[in-house]
Amino acid sequence: MATIALSAESFDQAVLKEGTVLVDFWAAWCGPCRMFAPIFEEASEKYPELIFAKVDTEAEQSLSAAAGISSIPTLMAFRDGILLFNQAGALPASGLDELITAINNVDMNEIRVSLSEQPEKS
């Protein structure tokens, strides 16, 4: 599966669904982003059961601001609509493989219980 482009209009719908969604925030002028792009694309072929999405921070400035992006590339990983990973910096292929394995091994019931026990923010 190839990567999909996300916009402010499609972001929530993409990341809030069941399953794992990896989102790469990038820009064309960003050297590390260009280095990470083929690694991300290759992983999308290796893991067709996952959704791999990209957000062009130049074209989607309001979405990038809303997501708190302050450095690129930034990779976010969502599973079943819950953000499990959010980190700036390009990963090597082995690091991305390790992240995907870790995300797939998360006990989501445990995460949901943990989130339900947190006090609400006022």
Protein backbone atom coordinates (compact mmCIF):
# COMPACT_ATOMS: atom_id res chain seq x y z
CA MET A 1 0.00 0.00 0.00
CA ALA A 2 1.29 3.41 -0.87
CA THR A 3 1.13 6.36 1.47
CA ILE A 4 -1.89 8.65 1.49
CA ALA A 5 -1.88 12.42 1.82
CA LEU A 6 -3.85 13.88 4.71
CA SER A 7 -5.37 17.33 4.95
CA ALA A 8 -7.05 19.18 7.78
CA GLU A 9 -10.36 17.84 6.43
CA SER A 10 -9.28 14.18 6.30
CA PHE A 11 -6.93 13.92 9.30
CA ASP A 12 -9.40 13.07 12.09
CA GLN A 13 -11.30 10.59 9.95
CA ALA A 14 -8.05 8.79 9.10
CA VAL A 15 -6.48 8.61 12.56
CA LEU A 16 -9.61 7.92 14.60
CA LYS A 17 -10.49 4.65 12.86
CA GLU A 18 -9.64 1.17 14.11
CA GLY A 19 -6.20 -0.13 13.28
CA THR A 20 -2.78 1.45 13.12
CA VAL A 21 -2.09 4.70 11.31
CA LEU A 22 1.41 6.15 10.97
CA VAL A 23 1.56 9.83 10.04
CA ASP A 24 4.69 11.53 8.72
CA PHE A 25 4.69 15.34 9.00
CA TRP A 26 7.15 16.62 6.39
CA ALA A 27 8.08 19.46 4.01
CA ALA A 28 9.75 19.42 0.60
CA TRP A 29 12.59 21.74 1.73
CA CYS A 30 13.48 19.50 4.71
CA GLY A 31 16.59 17.35 4.13
CA PRO A 32 15.87 14.81 6.90
CA CYS A 33 12.29 14.55 5.58
CA ARG A 34 13.60 13.66 2.11
CA MET A 35 15.91 11.06 3.68
CA PHE A 36 13.04 9.51 5.68
CA ALA A 37 10.52 9.49 2.79
CA PRO A 38 11.83 6.34 1.03
CA ILE A 39 12.09 4.50 4.38
CA PHE A 40 8.46 5.39 5.16
CA GLU A 41 7.34 4.40 1.64
CA GLU A 42 9.19 1.08 1.82
CA ALA A 43 7.57 0.32 5.18
CA SER A 44 4.16 1.01 3.64
CA GLU A 45 4.86 -1.81 1.17
CA LYS A 46 6.21 -4.11 3.89
CA TYR A 47 3.22 -3.58 6.22
CA PRO A 48 0.15 -3.35 3.94
CA GLU A 49 -2.20 -3.94 6.89
CA LEU A 50 -1.25 -0.52 8.31
CA ILE A 51 -2.18 2.92 7.02
CA PHE A 52 0.77 5.15 6.15
CA ALA A 53 -0.12 8.82 5.75
CA LYS A 54 1.78 12.02 5.12
CA VAL A 55 1.03 15.63 6.00
CA ASP A 56 2.79 18.35 4.01
CA THR A 57 3.40 20.93 6.74
CA GLU A 58 3.71 23.73 4.18
CA ALA A 59 0.35 23.00 2.56
CA GLU A 60 -1.34 22.11 5.86
CA GLN A 61 -0.03 24.78 8.22
CA SER A 62 -3.20 24.93 10.35
CA LEU A 63 -3.22 21.14 10.79
CA SER A 64 0.48 21.15 11.66
CA ALA A 65 -0.09 23.89 14.24
CA ALA A 66 -3.08 22.05 15.71
CA ALA A 67 -0.97 18.88 15.97
CA GLY A 68 1.77 20.82 17.79
CA ILE A 69 4.40 20.19 15.14
CA SER A 70 7.49 22.25 15.94
CA SER A 71 10.14 20.18 14.17
CA ILE A 72 10.08 17.97 11.10
CA PRO A 73 10.02 15.24 10.22
CA THR A 74 7.66 14.25 13.02
CA LEU A 75 6.19 10.79 13.14
CA MET A 76 2.94 10.02 14.94
CA ALA A 77 1.48 6.56 15.45
CA PHE A 78 -2.17 6.05 16.26
CA ARG A 79 -3.84 2.78 17.09
CA ASP A 80 -7.61 2.51 17.35
CA GLY A 81 -7.79 6.30 17.45
CA ILE A 82 -5.32 6.70 20.32
CA LEU A 83 -2.00 8.49 19.86
CA LEU A 84 0.72 6.10 21.06
CA PHE A 85 3.84 7.72 19.59
CA ASN A 86 4.81 11.28 18.70
CA GLN A 87 8.45 12.09 18.01
CA ALA A 88 10.43 14.43 15.82
CA GLY A 89 13.37 13.13 13.83
CA ALA A 90 13.95 10.69 11.01
CA LEU A 91 14.12 7.03 11.94
CA PRO A 92 16.31 4.47 10.20
CA ALA A 93 14.44 1.53 8.63
CA SER A 94 15.28 -0.71 11.58
CA GLY A 95 13.96 1.90 14.02
CA LEU A 96 10.69 2.17 12.10
CA ASP A 97 10.37 -1.64 12.09
CA GLU A 98 10.93 -1.68 15.87
CA LEU A 99 8.34 1.05 16.38
CA ILE A 100 5.76 -0.82 14.29
CA THR A 101 6.39 -4.01 16.26
CA ALA A 102 6.05 -2.13 19.54
CA ILE A 103 2.80 -0.43 18.44
CA ASN A 104 1.38 -3.78 17.28
CA ASN A 105 2.26 -5.35 20.65
CA VAL A 106 0.56 -2.70 22.79
CA ASP A 107 -2.30 -4.02 24.92
CA MET A 108 -4.99 -1.55 23.88
CA ASN A 109 -7.34 -2.67 26.67
CA GLU A 110 -4.66 -1.66 29.16
CA ILE A 111 -4.25 1.70 27.41
CA ARG A 112 -8.01 2.34 27.44
CA VAL A 113 -8.21 1.52 31.16
CA SER A 114 -5.25 3.81 31.83
CA LEU A 115 -6.86 6.64 29.88
CA SER A 116 -10.21 6.19 31.62
CA GLU A 117 -8.50 6.46 35.02
CA GLN A 118 -6.89 9.82 34.24
CA PRO A 119 -8.60 12.85 35.77
CA GLU A 120 -10.33 15.12 33.27
CA LYS A 121 -8.56 18.33 32.35
CA SER A 122 -10.48 21.48 33.15
